[in-house]
Amino acid sequence: MSKLPTPAERLRSLLATAGSLTLHVPGRRCDLVGAHRFEAGRILLDMPIQGVPLDDTDTDTAAVLELTDVAPTSVRSRVRARATFGGWLGVHPEGGLALDLAEATLQDPAYGRDAEISVDPDDFAAAAPDPLAHVEADLLCHLTDAHPDAVDRLARLVPPHHLHGVKRIVPVRIDRYGVVLRLEFAGRARDVRLPFRTPLDRPEEAGERMQELYAQARCCRGGH
């Protein structure tokens, strides 16, 4: 069973929760805040058509959308992932613009330090955002700010040899498959994933899955 979202699922989650995107078209860059959504395989942009120089031909304009995912908790190297969506920009029937995807790319250290993963547009359209995507930031910040003792308990699940020299441990991700802790050392950092016993399907299951991790931690001796 997979312990990570598929790259397509990760991209869908990133797009669904992104507060802003950067649109690049020939000769123009536009920063869009809260002005996008994904429907029927297209990224719709709620912005004035006259704000983008479209080609004056029957061919849509080549365009690229970029987004950066930043960790909601205060950690080193807060950029968790970058995503790029390339395709053809045209007008959609409701007004505004629509990007028909030709390619999608994910850069996320969880899939390899220098990995740049290409995702087929059909796979991207068929994937669903993670069930926790829209509540992840709140869950992580609540865990960090209100329950530092719980973070200490979770750290007992980290292999002891990974904890040598650790200065700080902060939760940096949570998804349907588990929690990721950022281990910060004097000059470096390392992420360790703590998998749930079974992936969750609904946000309401997060509490139960966390309790299962705490129960596992109680069976572990020592700590950092």
N, C-alpha and C. Protein backbone atom coordinates (compact mmCIF):
# COMPACT_ATOMS: atom_id res chain seq x y z
N MET A 1 0.85 -1.20 0.00
CA MET A 1 0.00 0.00 0.00
C MET A 1 0.88 1.25 0.00
N SER A 2 0.52 2.25 -0.79
CA SER A 2 1.29 3.47 -0.88
C SER A 2 1.27 4.22 0.45
N LYS A 3 2.42 4.80 0.79
CA LYS A 3 2.52 5.64 1.99
C LYS A 3 2.63 7.11 1.63
N LEU A 4 2.51 7.42 0.35
CA LEU A 4 2.55 8.79 -0.14
C LEU A 4 1.39 9.02 -1.10
N PRO A 5 0.88 10.24 -1.16
CA PRO A 5 -0.07 10.55 -2.25
C PRO A 5 0.63 10.35 -3.59
N THR A 6 -0.12 9.99 -4.61
CA THR A 6 0.49 9.94 -5.93
C THR A 6 0.85 11.37 -6.34
N PRO A 7 1.81 11.53 -7.25
CA PRO A 7 2.12 12.89 -7.73
C PRO A 7 0.89 13.63 -8.25
N ALA A 8 -0.02 12.91 -8.92
CA ALA A 8 -1.24 13.56 -9.42
C ALA A 8 -2.10 14.06 -8.26
N GLU A 9 -2.24 13.24 -7.22
CA GLU A 9 -3.02 13.66 -6.04
C GLU A 9 -2.36 14.85 -5.36
N ARG A 10 -1.03 14.80 -5.27
CA ARG A 10 -0.32 15.92 -4.64
C ARG A 10 -0.54 17.21 -5.43
N LEU A 11 -0.47 17.13 -6.74
CA LEU A 11 -0.70 18.33 -7.56
C LEU A 11 -2.12 18.84 -7.39
N ARG A 12 -3.10 17.94 -7.35
CA ARG A 12 -4.49 18.38 -7.16
C ARG A 12 -4.65 19.07 -5.81
N SER A 13 -4.00 18.54 -4.77
CA SER A 13 -4.08 19.16 -3.46
C SER A 13 -3.43 20.55 -3.47
N LEU A 14 -2.29 20.65 -4.12
CA LEU A 14 -1.61 21.95 -4.19
C LEU A 14 -2.46 22.99 -4.90
N LEU A 15 -3.06 22.60 -6.02
CA LEU A 15 -3.88 23.55 -6.76
C LEU A 15 -5.13 23.93 -5.97
N ALA A 16 -5.74 22.94 -5.29
CA ALA A 16 -6.97 23.19 -4.55
C ALA A 16 -6.77 24.15 -3.39
N THR A 17 -5.59 24.14 -2.80
CA THR A 17 -5.35 24.95 -1.59
C THR A 17 -4.49 26.18 -1.84
N ALA A 18 -4.01 26.35 -3.06
CA ALA A 18 -3.13 27.49 -3.35
C ALA A 18 -3.88 28.81 -3.19
N GLY A 19 -3.32 29.71 -2.40
CA GLY A 19 -3.93 31.03 -2.26
C GLY A 19 -3.63 31.93 -3.43
N SER A 20 -2.54 31.63 -4.14
CA SER A 20 -2.15 32.48 -5.27
C SER A 20 -1.43 31.65 -6.32
N LEU A 21 -1.50 32.15 -7.54
CA LEU A 21 -0.81 31.55 -8.68
C LEU A 21 -0.13 32.67 -9.46
N THR A 22 0.89 32.30 -10.21
CA THR A 22 1.52 33.25 -11.12
C THR A 22 1.30 32.77 -12.55
N LEU A 23 0.71 33.62 -13.36
CA LEU A 23 0.42 33.30 -14.76
C LEU A 23 1.47 33.97 -15.64
N HIS A 24 2.07 33.17 -16.52
CA HIS A 24 3.04 33.67 -17.49
C HIS A 24 2.49 33.47 -18.89
N VAL A 25 2.38 34.54 -19.64
CA VAL A 25 2.07 34.48 -21.06
C VAL A 25 3.13 35.32 -21.76
N PRO A 26 3.31 35.15 -23.06
CA PRO A 26 4.35 35.92 -23.75
C PRO A 26 4.24 37.42 -23.47
N GLY A 27 5.28 37.97 -22.87
CA GLY A 27 5.33 39.39 -22.62
C GLY A 27 4.59 39.87 -21.39
N ARG A 28 4.08 38.96 -20.57
CA ARG A 28 3.27 39.38 -19.43
C ARG A 28 3.35 38.37 -18.29
N ARG A 29 3.37 38.90 -17.06
CA ARG A 29 3.27 38.06 -15.85
C ARG A 29 2.16 38.65 -14.99
N CYS A 30 1.28 37.77 -14.50
CA CYS A 30 0.16 38.20 -13.65
C CYS A 30 0.15 37.38 -12.38
N ASP A 31 0.05 38.04 -11.23
CA ASP A 31 -0.11 37.35 -9.96
C ASP A 31 -1.59 37.31 -9.61
N LEU A 32 -2.12 36.11 -9.43
CA LEU A 32 -3.54 35.90 -9.19
C LEU A 32 -3.75 35.44 -7.75
N VAL A 33 -4.57 36.13 -7.01
CA VAL A 33 -4.85 35.78 -5.61
C VAL A 33 -6.31 35.35 -5.49
N GLY A 34 -6.51 34.11 -5.09
CA GLY A 34 -7.87 33.59 -4.90
C GLY A 34 -8.73 33.70 -6.14
N ALA A 35 -8.12 33.45 -7.30
CA ALA A 35 -8.86 33.69 -8.56
C ALA A 35 -8.79 32.49 -9.49
N HIS A 36 -8.78 31.28 -8.94
CA HIS A 36 -8.72 30.11 -9.81
C HIS A 36 -9.57 28.98 -9.24
N ARG A 37 -9.95 28.06 -10.12
CA ARG A 37 -10.62 26.83 -9.72
C ARG A 37 -10.43 25.81 -10.83
N PHE A 38 -10.68 24.55 -10.50
CA PHE A 38 -10.46 23.48 -11.46
C PHE A 38 -11.78 22.81 -11.76
N GLU A 39 -12.16 22.79 -13.03
CA GLU A 39 -13.43 22.18 -13.43
C GLU A 39 -13.25 21.50 -14.78
N ALA A 40 -13.78 20.29 -14.86
CA ALA A 40 -13.84 19.55 -16.13
C ALA A 40 -12.50 19.53 -16.86
N GLY A 41 -11.44 19.32 -16.10
CA GLY A 41 -10.13 19.18 -16.71
C GLY A 41 -9.46 20.48 -17.11
N ARG A 42 -10.02 21.61 -16.73
CA ARG A 42 -9.44 22.90 -17.08
C ARG A 42 -9.25 23.74 -15.83
N ILE A 43 -8.20 24.55 -15.81
CA ILE A 43 -7.99 25.51 -14.73
C ILE A 43 -8.63 26.83 -15.16
N LEU A 44 -9.68 27.22 -14.44
CA LEU A 44 -10.39 28.44 -14.76
C LEU A 44 -9.84 29.59 -13.94
N LEU A 45 -9.66 30.72 -14.60
CA LEU A 45 -9.08 31.90 -13.96
C LEU A 45 -10.10 33.03 -13.97
N ASP A 46 -10.46 33.48 -12.80
CA ASP A 46 -11.43 34.56 -12.68
C ASP A 46 -10.71 35.89 -12.77
N MET A 47 -10.47 36.32 -13.98
CA MET A 47 -9.78 37.59 -14.20
C MET A 47 -10.28 38.19 -15.51
N PRO A 48 -10.20 39.50 -15.65
CA PRO A 48 -10.68 40.15 -16.87
C PRO A 48 -9.93 39.65 -18.10
N ILE A 49 -10.69 39.33 -19.13
CA ILE A 49 -10.06 38.84 -20.36
C ILE A 49 -9.10 39.88 -20.92
N GLN A 50 -9.48 41.16 -20.81
CA GLN A 50 -8.63 42.20 -21.38
C GLN A 50 -7.33 42.36 -20.60
N GLY A 51 -7.22 41.67 -19.44
CA GLY A 51 -6.00 41.79 -18.65
C GLY A 51 -4.86 40.95 -19.17
N VAL A 52 -5.11 40.08 -20.15
CA VAL A 52 -4.08 39.19 -20.69
C VAL A 52 -4.04 39.34 -22.20
N PRO A 53 -2.86 39.52 -22.77
CA PRO A 53 -2.75 39.65 -24.22
C PRO A 53 -2.88 38.32 -24.93
N LEU A 54 -4.10 37.93 -25.31
CA LEU A 54 -4.30 36.70 -26.05
C LEU A 54 -3.91 36.90 -27.51
N ASP A 55 -3.55 35.77 -28.16
CA ASP A 55 -3.22 35.85 -29.58
C ASP A 55 -4.45 36.26 -30.38
N ASP A 56 -4.25 37.08 -31.38
CA ASP A 56 -5.36 37.50 -32.24
C ASP A 56 -5.54 36.52 -33.40
N THR A 57 -5.58 35.24 -33.05
CA THR A 57 -5.77 34.20 -34.06
C THR A 57 -6.75 33.19 -33.49
N ASP A 58 -7.03 32.15 -34.27
CA ASP A 58 -7.91 31.09 -33.79
C ASP A 58 -7.20 30.15 -32.82
N THR A 59 -5.88 30.31 -32.68
CA THR A 59 -5.11 29.45 -31.79
C THR A 59 -5.01 30.08 -30.41
N ASP A 60 -5.25 29.28 -29.37
CA ASP A 60 -5.13 29.79 -28.02
C ASP A 60 -3.68 30.15 -27.71
N THR A 61 -3.51 30.93 -26.66
CA THR A 61 -2.19 31.45 -26.28
C THR A 61 -1.47 30.48 -25.35
N ALA A 62 -0.19 30.21 -25.65
CA ALA A 62 0.61 29.38 -24.76
C ALA A 62 0.78 30.10 -23.42
N ALA A 63 0.61 29.35 -22.33
CA ALA A 63 0.69 29.96 -21.00
C ALA A 63 1.20 28.95 -19.99
N VAL A 64 1.74 29.47 -18.90
CA VAL A 64 2.23 28.64 -17.81
C VAL A 64 1.73 29.22 -16.49
N LEU A 65 1.22 28.35 -15.63
CA LEU A 65 0.84 28.72 -14.27
C LEU A 65 1.84 28.10 -13.30
N GLU A 66 2.29 28.88 -12.33
CA GLU A 66 3.21 28.38 -11.33
C GLU A 66 2.64 28.63 -9.94
N LEU A 67 2.94 27.71 -9.01
CA LEU A 67 2.58 27.93 -7.61
C LEU A 67 3.67 27.36 -6.72
N THR A 68 3.76 27.94 -5.54
CA THR A 68 4.72 27.51 -4.53
C THR A 68 3.97 27.16 -3.27
N ASP A 69 4.25 25.98 -2.73
CA ASP A 69 3.61 25.51 -1.50
C ASP A 69 4.55 25.79 -0.33
N VAL A 70 4.07 26.55 0.65
CA VAL A 70 4.87 26.94 1.81
C VAL A 70 4.31 26.28 3.06
N ALA A 71 5.17 25.71 3.89
CA ALA A 71 4.74 25.07 5.12
C ALA A 71 4.03 26.06 6.03
N PRO A 72 2.89 25.68 6.62
CA PRO A 72 2.17 26.58 7.51
C PRO A 72 2.84 26.73 8.88
N THR A 73 3.70 25.80 9.24
CA THR A 73 4.41 25.89 10.50
C THR A 73 5.77 26.56 10.28
N SER A 74 6.33 27.10 11.35
CA SER A 74 7.58 27.84 11.26
C SER A 74 8.75 26.86 11.29
N VAL A 75 9.29 26.58 10.12
CA VAL A 75 10.42 25.66 9.99
C VAL A 75 11.44 26.27 9.04
N ARG A 76 12.62 25.69 9.03
CA ARG A 76 13.60 26.07 8.02
C ARG A 76 13.13 25.60 6.65
N SER A 77 13.57 26.30 5.64
CA SER A 77 13.24 25.88 4.26
C SER A 77 11.76 25.61 4.13
N ARG A 78 10.95 26.67 4.27
CA ARG A 78 9.50 26.49 4.34
C ARG A 78 8.87 26.09 3.02
N VAL A 79 9.58 26.22 1.92
CA VAL A 79 9.01 25.79 0.63
C VAL A 79 8.98 24.27 0.59
N ARG A 80 7.78 23.72 0.52
CA ARG A 80 7.61 22.26 0.52
C ARG A 80 7.54 21.70 -0.90
N ALA A 81 7.01 22.49 -1.83
CA ALA A 81 6.84 21.97 -3.19
C ALA A 81 6.62 23.14 -4.15
N ARG A 82 6.87 22.86 -5.40
CA ARG A 82 6.55 23.79 -6.49
C ARG A 82 5.82 23.02 -7.57
N ALA A 83 4.90 23.69 -8.22
CA ALA A 83 4.13 23.06 -9.29
C ALA A 83 4.05 24.00 -10.48
N THR A 84 4.07 23.40 -11.66
CA THR A 84 3.97 24.15 -12.90
C THR A 84 2.93 23.49 -13.79
N PHE A 85 2.05 24.30 -14.35
CA PHE A 85 1.00 23.82 -15.25
C PHE A 85 1.13 24.57 -16.58
N GLY A 86 1.38 23.84 -17.64
CA GLY A 86 1.51 24.47 -18.95
C GLY A 86 0.38 24.06 -19.87
N GLY A 87 0.03 24.96 -20.76
CA GLY A 87 -1.04 24.62 -21.70
C GLY A 87 -1.42 25.81 -22.55
N TRP A 88 -2.70 25.82 -22.91
CA TRP A 88 -3.20 26.82 -23.86
C TRP A 88 -4.31 27.61 -23.22
N LEU A 89 -4.16 28.91 -23.25
CA LEU A 89 -5.08 29.81 -22.57
C LEU A 89 -6.10 30.37 -23.56
N GLY A 90 -7.36 30.22 -23.18
CA GLY A 90 -8.43 30.76 -24.00
C GLY A 90 -9.55 31.28 -23.13
N VAL A 91 -10.65 31.65 -23.75
CA VAL A 91 -11.81 32.20 -23.04
C VAL A 91 -12.78 31.07 -22.72
N HIS A 92 -13.30 31.04 -21.49
CA HIS A 92 -14.31 30.04 -21.18
C HIS A 92 -15.70 30.67 -21.21
N PRO A 93 -16.76 29.86 -21.40
CA PRO A 93 -18.10 30.39 -21.66
C PRO A 93 -18.63 31.33 -20.59
N GLU A 94 -18.20 31.17 -19.35
CA GLU A 94 -18.71 32.01 -18.27
C GLU A 94 -17.99 33.35 -18.19
N GLY A 95 -17.06 33.58 -19.10
CA GLY A 95 -16.21 34.75 -19.01
C GLY A 95 -14.94 34.39 -18.28
N GLY A 96 -13.95 35.24 -18.33
CA GLY A 96 -12.67 34.88 -17.74
C GLY A 96 -11.90 33.97 -18.67
N LEU A 97 -10.85 33.37 -18.13
CA LEU A 97 -9.94 32.58 -18.94
C LEU A 97 -9.89 31.14 -18.46
N ALA A 98 -9.47 30.24 -19.36
CA ALA A 98 -9.34 28.83 -19.02
C ALA A 98 -8.04 28.30 -19.60
N LEU A 99 -7.31 27.54 -18.78
CA LEU A 99 -6.09 26.90 -19.24
C LEU A 99 -6.37 25.43 -19.52
N ASP A 100 -6.26 25.03 -20.78
CA ASP A 100 -6.34 23.61 -21.15
C ASP A 100 -4.95 23.01 -20.96
N LEU A 101 -4.86 22.06 -20.06
CA LEU A 101 -3.56 21.52 -19.67
C LEU A 101 -2.91 20.70 -20.78
N ALA A 102 -1.63 20.95 -21.00
CA ALA A 102 -0.82 20.12 -21.87
C ALA A 102 0.24 19.38 -21.06
N GLU A 103 0.62 19.95 -19.90
CA GLU A 103 1.62 19.31 -19.06
C GLU A 103 1.49 19.85 -17.64
N ALA A 104 1.92 19.02 -16.69
CA ALA A 104 1.94 19.42 -15.29
C ALA A 104 3.19 18.82 -14.66
N THR A 105 3.87 19.60 -13.84
CA THR A 105 5.14 19.17 -13.26
C THR A 105 5.15 19.45 -11.77
N LEU A 106 5.66 18.49 -11.00
CA LEU A 106 5.76 18.61 -9.54
C LEU A 106 7.21 18.51 -9.12
N GLN A 107 7.63 19.44 -8.26
CA GLN A 107 8.92 19.38 -7.59
C GLN A 107 8.63 19.31 -6.10
N ASP A 108 8.97 18.17 -5.49
CA ASP A 108 8.66 17.96 -4.08
C ASP A 108 9.71 16.99 -3.53
N PRO A 109 10.50 17.43 -2.53
CA PRO A 109 11.55 16.55 -1.99
C PRO A 109 11.03 15.23 -1.44
N ALA A 110 9.74 15.15 -1.12
CA ALA A 110 9.18 13.89 -0.62
C ALA A 110 9.30 12.78 -1.66
N TYR A 111 9.41 13.14 -2.95
CA TYR A 111 9.50 12.15 -4.02
C TYR A 111 10.92 12.02 -4.55
N GLY A 112 11.87 12.68 -3.89
CA GLY A 112 13.26 12.67 -4.33
C GLY A 112 13.81 14.08 -4.26
N ARG A 113 15.00 14.21 -3.72
CA ARG A 113 15.55 15.53 -3.44
C ARG A 113 15.52 16.46 -4.64
N ASP A 114 15.93 15.98 -5.79
CA ASP A 114 15.99 16.82 -6.98
C ASP A 114 15.00 16.36 -8.04
N ALA A 115 13.99 15.63 -7.61
CA ALA A 115 13.05 15.07 -8.58
C ALA A 115 12.15 16.15 -9.17
N GLU A 116 11.94 16.06 -10.47
CA GLU A 116 10.95 16.87 -11.17
C GLU A 116 10.06 15.89 -11.91
N ILE A 117 8.85 15.73 -11.40
CA ILE A 117 7.96 14.67 -11.87
C ILE A 117 6.93 15.25 -12.84
N SER A 118 6.85 14.66 -14.01
CA SER A 118 5.82 15.04 -14.98
C SER A 118 4.58 14.19 -14.75
N VAL A 119 3.43 14.85 -14.72
CA VAL A 119 2.16 14.17 -14.48
C VAL A 119 1.29 14.33 -15.72
N ASP A 120 0.76 13.22 -16.21
CA ASP A 120 -0.11 13.26 -17.38
C ASP A 120 -1.37 14.08 -17.06
N PRO A 121 -1.78 14.98 -17.94
CA PRO A 121 -2.97 15.80 -17.67
C PRO A 121 -4.22 14.98 -17.38
N ASP A 122 -4.36 13.83 -18.03
CA ASP A 122 -5.53 12.98 -17.76
C ASP A 122 -5.47 12.39 -16.35
N ASP A 123 -4.27 12.00 -15.91
CA ASP A 123 -4.11 11.48 -14.55
C ASP A 123 -4.38 12.58 -13.53
N PHE A 124 -3.93 13.79 -13.85
CA PHE A 124 -4.19 14.93 -12.96
C PHE A 124 -5.68 15.19 -12.83
N ALA A 125 -6.38 15.18 -13.96
CA ALA A 125 -7.82 15.45 -13.93
C ALA A 125 -8.59 14.37 -13.19
N ALA A 126 -8.11 13.12 -13.26
CA ALA A 126 -8.81 12.01 -12.63
C ALA A 126 -8.54 11.92 -11.13
N ALA A 127 -7.47 12.54 -10.67
CA ALA A 127 -7.10 12.46 -9.25
C ALA A 127 -7.98 13.39 -8.42
N ALA A 128 -8.00 13.15 -7.12
CA ALA A 128 -8.76 13.99 -6.19
C ALA A 128 -7.81 14.61 -5.19
N PRO A 129 -8.11 15.81 -4.71
CA PRO A 129 -7.29 16.39 -3.64
C PRO A 129 -7.33 15.52 -2.40
N ASP A 130 -6.29 15.59 -1.60
CA ASP A 130 -6.25 14.84 -0.36
C ASP A 130 -7.40 15.28 0.55
N PRO A 131 -8.03 14.34 1.29
CA PRO A 131 -9.15 14.70 2.17
C PRO A 131 -8.79 15.76 3.22
N LEU A 132 -7.51 15.85 3.59
CA LEU A 132 -7.08 16.81 4.61
C LEU A 132 -6.51 18.10 4.02
N ALA A 133 -6.52 18.22 2.71
CA ALA A 133 -5.83 19.35 2.07
C ALA A 133 -6.31 20.69 2.61
N HIS A 134 -7.63 20.85 2.76
CA HIS A 134 -8.17 22.16 3.16
C HIS A 134 -8.07 22.43 4.66
N VAL A 135 -7.76 21.40 5.44
CA VAL A 135 -7.64 21.60 6.89
C VAL A 135 -6.22 21.36 7.38
N GLU A 136 -5.32 21.02 6.47
CA GLU A 136 -3.96 20.67 6.87
C GLU A 136 -3.29 21.79 7.67
N ALA A 137 -3.36 23.01 7.18
CA ALA A 137 -2.69 24.12 7.86
C ALA A 137 -3.19 24.27 9.29
N ASP A 138 -4.51 24.22 9.48
CA ASP A 138 -5.08 24.35 10.83
C ASP A 138 -4.64 23.21 11.72
N LEU A 139 -4.64 21.98 11.19
CA LEU A 139 -4.24 20.83 12.00
C LEU A 139 -2.78 20.94 12.44
N LEU A 140 -1.90 21.31 11.52
CA LEU A 140 -0.48 21.41 11.85
C LEU A 140 -0.21 22.51 12.86
N CYS A 141 -0.83 23.67 12.65
CA CYS A 141 -0.61 24.79 13.57
C CYS A 141 -1.18 24.49 14.95
N HIS A 142 -2.33 23.83 15.00
CA HIS A 142 -2.92 23.46 16.28
C HIS A 142 -2.04 22.45 17.02
N LEU A 143 -1.52 21.48 16.30
CA LEU A 143 -0.65 20.49 16.90
C LEU A 143 0.62 21.13 17.45
N THR A 144 1.18 22.07 16.69
CA THR A 144 2.43 22.72 17.10
C THR A 144 2.22 23.67 18.27
N ASP A 145 1.17 24.49 18.20
CA ASP A 145 0.98 25.55 19.19
C ASP A 145 0.29 25.07 20.46
N ALA A 146 -0.67 24.17 20.31
CA ALA A 146 -1.48 23.77 21.47
C ALA A 146 -1.06 22.44 22.08
N HIS A 147 -0.32 21.63 21.33
CA HIS A 147 0.00 20.29 21.84
C HIS A 147 1.47 19.92 21.62
N PRO A 148 2.40 20.74 22.12
CA PRO A 148 3.82 20.38 21.95
C PRO A 148 4.16 19.04 22.60
N ASP A 149 3.42 18.67 23.66
CA ASP A 149 3.65 17.38 24.29
C ASP A 149 3.32 16.23 23.33
N ALA A 150 2.31 16.44 22.49
CA ALA A 150 1.94 15.42 21.51
C ALA A 150 3.05 15.26 20.46
N VAL A 151 3.68 16.37 20.08
CA VAL A 151 4.79 16.29 19.14
C VAL A 151 5.93 15.49 19.76
N ASP A 152 6.19 15.71 21.05
CA ASP A 152 7.24 14.95 21.73
C ASP A 152 6.91 13.47 21.72
N ARG A 153 5.63 13.14 21.90
CA ARG A 153 5.24 11.73 21.87
C ARG A 153 5.44 11.14 20.49
N LEU A 154 5.06 11.88 19.46
CA LEU A 154 5.23 11.38 18.09
C LEU A 154 6.71 11.15 17.78
N ALA A 155 7.58 11.97 18.36
CA ALA A 155 9.01 11.83 18.10
C ALA A 155 9.55 10.48 18.56
N ARG A 156 8.85 9.82 19.49
CA ARG A 156 9.29 8.50 19.94
C ARG A 156 9.18 7.46 18.83
N LEU A 157 8.40 7.77 17.79
CA LEU A 157 8.24 6.84 16.67
C LEU A 157 9.35 6.99 15.64
N VAL A 158 10.18 8.01 15.80
CA VAL A 158 11.29 8.23 14.87
C VAL A 158 12.44 7.30 15.27
N PRO A 159 13.05 6.60 14.32
CA PRO A 159 14.20 5.75 14.66
C PRO A 159 15.25 6.54 15.44
N PRO A 160 15.74 5.99 16.55
CA PRO A 160 16.65 6.74 17.42
C PRO A 160 17.88 7.30 16.72
N HIS A 161 18.41 6.58 15.73
CA HIS A 161 19.62 7.07 15.08
C HIS A 161 19.36 8.34 14.27
N HIS A 162 18.09 8.61 13.94
CA HIS A 162 17.77 9.86 13.23
C HIS A 162 17.72 11.05 14.18
N LEU A 163 17.64 10.81 15.47
CA LEU A 163 17.45 11.89 16.44
C LEU A 163 18.76 12.41 17.03
N HIS A 164 19.87 11.79 16.70
CA HIS A 164 21.15 12.22 17.26
C HIS A 164 21.48 13.65 16.81
N GLY A 165 21.60 14.54 17.77
CA GLY A 165 21.93 15.93 17.47
C GLY A 165 20.75 16.81 17.10
N VAL A 166 19.53 16.29 17.20
CA VAL A 166 18.36 17.08 16.81
C VAL A 166 18.17 18.25 17.75
N LYS A 167 17.84 19.41 17.21
CA LYS A 167 17.61 20.63 17.99
C LYS A 167 16.13 20.93 18.17
N ARG A 168 15.34 20.59 17.17
CA ARG A 168 13.91 20.91 17.22
C ARG A 168 13.16 19.97 16.30
N ILE A 169 11.94 19.63 16.69
CA ILE A 169 11.09 18.77 15.88
C ILE A 169 9.75 19.46 15.69
N VAL A 170 9.34 19.62 14.42
CA VAL A 170 8.12 20.36 14.10
C VAL A 170 7.32 19.56 13.07
N PRO A 171 6.01 19.38 13.26
CA PRO A 171 5.20 18.75 12.21
C PRO A 171 5.12 19.66 10.99
N VAL A 172 5.38 19.10 9.82
CA VAL A 172 5.46 19.94 8.63
C VAL A 172 4.47 19.54 7.55
N ARG A 173 3.88 18.33 7.66
CA ARG A 173 2.87 17.88 6.70
C ARG A 173 1.92 16.92 7.41
N ILE A 174 0.71 16.86 6.89
CA ILE A 174 -0.21 15.79 7.26
C ILE A 174 -1.13 15.56 6.07
N ASP A 175 -1.32 14.29 5.73
CA ASP A 175 -2.22 13.93 4.64
C ASP A 175 -2.90 12.62 5.01
N ARG A 176 -3.64 12.06 4.10
CA ARG A 176 -4.42 10.86 4.41
C ARG A 176 -3.55 9.66 4.77
N TYR A 177 -2.26 9.73 4.44
CA TYR A 177 -1.38 8.59 4.70
C TYR A 177 -0.57 8.73 5.98
N GLY A 178 -0.46 9.93 6.55
CA GLY A 178 0.31 10.05 7.77
C GLY A 178 0.76 11.48 8.05
N VAL A 179 1.65 11.58 9.05
CA VAL A 179 2.20 12.86 9.50
C VAL A 179 3.69 12.89 9.17
N VAL A 180 4.19 14.05 8.79
CA VAL A 180 5.62 14.22 8.53
C VAL A 180 6.19 15.18 9.56
N LEU A 181 7.25 14.76 10.23
CA LEU A 181 7.95 15.61 11.19
C LEU A 181 9.23 16.14 10.56
N ARG A 182 9.50 17.42 10.76
CA ARG A 182 10.76 18.02 10.32
C ARG A 182 11.73 17.98 11.50
N LEU A 183 12.83 17.25 11.33
CA LEU A 183 13.89 17.19 12.33
C LEU A 183 14.93 18.24 11.96
N GLU A 184 15.13 19.22 12.83
CA GLU A 184 16.08 20.29 12.55
C GLU A 184 17.34 20.09 13.39
N PHE A 185 18.49 20.12 12.70
CA PHE A 185 19.79 19.97 13.33
C PHE A 185 20.54 21.30 13.21
N ALA A 186 21.76 21.34 13.66
CA ALA A 186 22.52 22.59 13.66
C ALA A 186 22.65 23.18 12.25
N GLY A 187 22.93 22.34 11.27
CA GLY A 187 23.13 22.88 9.93
C GLY A 187 22.34 22.19 8.84
N ARG A 188 21.34 21.42 9.23
CA ARG A 188 20.58 20.70 8.22
C ARG A 188 19.21 20.33 8.79
N ALA A 189 18.39 19.73 7.96
CA ALA A 189 17.07 19.28 8.39
C ALA A 189 16.73 17.99 7.66
N ARG A 190 15.85 17.21 8.26
CA ARG A 190 15.44 15.94 7.67
C ARG A 190 13.96 15.74 7.97
N ASP A 191 13.21 15.25 6.98
CA ASP A 191 11.79 14.94 7.17
C ASP A 191 11.61 13.43 7.37
N VAL A 192 10.78 13.08 8.35
CA VAL A 192 10.47 11.67 8.63
C VAL A 192 8.96 11.51 8.62
N ARG A 193 8.47 10.56 7.82
CA ARG A 193 7.04 10.31 7.74
C ARG A 193 6.63 9.22 8.72
N LEU A 194 5.56 9.50 9.47
CA LEU A 194 4.96 8.53 10.38
C LEU A 194 3.64 8.09 9.76
N PRO A 195 3.59 6.90 9.19
CA PRO A 195 2.39 6.47 8.46
C PRO A 195 1.24 6.10 9.39
N PHE A 196 0.03 6.42 8.97
CA PHE A 196 -1.16 5.94 9.66
C PHE A 196 -1.30 4.44 9.40
N ARG A 197 -2.00 3.77 10.31
CA ARG A 197 -2.23 2.33 10.16
C ARG A 197 -2.97 2.05 8.86
N THR A 198 -3.98 2.86 8.58
CA THR A 198 -4.69 2.79 7.30
C THR A 198 -4.96 4.22 6.84
N PRO A 199 -4.94 4.48 5.54
CA PRO A 199 -5.23 5.84 5.07
C PRO A 199 -6.65 6.26 5.44
N LEU A 200 -6.82 7.53 5.72
CA LEU A 200 -8.17 8.02 6.04
C LEU A 200 -8.88 8.47 4.77
N ASP A 201 -10.20 8.51 4.84
CA ASP A 201 -11.02 8.89 3.70
C ASP A 201 -11.75 10.21 3.92
N ARG A 202 -11.89 10.61 5.20
CA ARG A 202 -12.62 11.83 5.54
C ARG A 202 -11.85 12.60 6.61
N PRO A 203 -11.94 13.92 6.60
CA PRO A 203 -11.23 14.71 7.61
C PRO A 203 -11.58 14.33 9.04
N GLU A 204 -12.82 13.89 9.24
CA GLU A 204 -13.27 13.53 10.59
C GLU A 204 -12.49 12.35 11.18
N GLU A 205 -11.80 11.60 10.32
CA GLU A 205 -11.04 10.44 10.80
C GLU A 205 -9.65 10.81 11.30
N ALA A 206 -9.26 12.08 11.15
CA ALA A 206 -7.90 12.47 11.53
C ALA A 206 -7.64 12.25 13.01
N GLY A 207 -8.61 12.58 13.87
CA GLY A 207 -8.43 12.42 15.30
C GLY A 207 -8.16 10.97 15.68
N GLU A 208 -8.91 10.05 15.08
CA GLU A 208 -8.72 8.63 15.37
C GLU A 208 -7.34 8.16 14.92
N ARG A 209 -6.91 8.59 13.74
CA ARG A 209 -5.60 8.18 13.24
C ARG A 209 -4.48 8.73 14.12
N MET A 210 -4.63 9.96 14.60
CA MET A 210 -3.61 10.53 15.48
C MET A 210 -3.55 9.77 16.80
N GLN A 211 -4.70 9.40 17.32
CA GLN A 211 -4.72 8.63 18.56
C GLN A 211 -4.02 7.28 18.40
N GLU A 212 -4.16 6.69 17.22
CA GLU A 212 -3.46 5.44 16.95
C GLU A 212 -1.95 5.63 16.97
N LEU A 213 -1.48 6.76 16.43
CA LEU A 213 -0.05 7.05 16.47
C LEU A 213 0.42 7.26 17.91
N TYR A 214 -0.38 8.00 18.69
CA TYR A 214 0.00 8.22 20.10
C TYR A 214 0.08 6.89 20.84
N ALA A 215 -0.85 5.98 20.54
CA ALA A 215 -0.84 4.67 21.20
C ALA A 215 0.43 3.89 20.82
N GLN A 216 0.84 3.99 19.56
CA GLN A 216 2.08 3.35 19.15
C GLN A 216 3.27 3.96 19.89
N ALA A 217 3.24 5.29 20.04
CA ALA A 217 4.35 5.98 20.70
C ALA A 217 4.47 5.57 22.16
N ARG A 218 3.34 5.30 22.82
CA ARG A 218 3.39 4.89 24.23
C ARG A 218 4.10 3.56 24.40
N CYS A 219 4.14 2.78 23.33
CA CYS A 219 4.80 1.49 23.40
C CYS A 219 6.32 1.59 23.13
N CYS A 220 6.74 2.81 22.74
CA CYS A 220 8.15 3.01 22.44
C CYS A 220 8.88 3.59 23.65
N ARG A 221 10.03 3.09 23.94
CA ARG A 221 10.81 3.62 25.06
C ARG A 221 11.71 4.74 24.57
N GLY A 222 12.11 5.55 25.51
CA GLY A 222 13.06 6.60 25.21
C GLY A 222 12.41 7.79 24.58
N GLY A 223 13.14 8.53 23.86
CA GLY A 223 12.68 9.78 23.23
C GLY A 223 13.89 10.56 22.84
N HIS A 224 13.67 11.81 22.40
CA HIS A 224 14.79 12.60 21.96
C HIS A 224 15.27 13.51 23.07
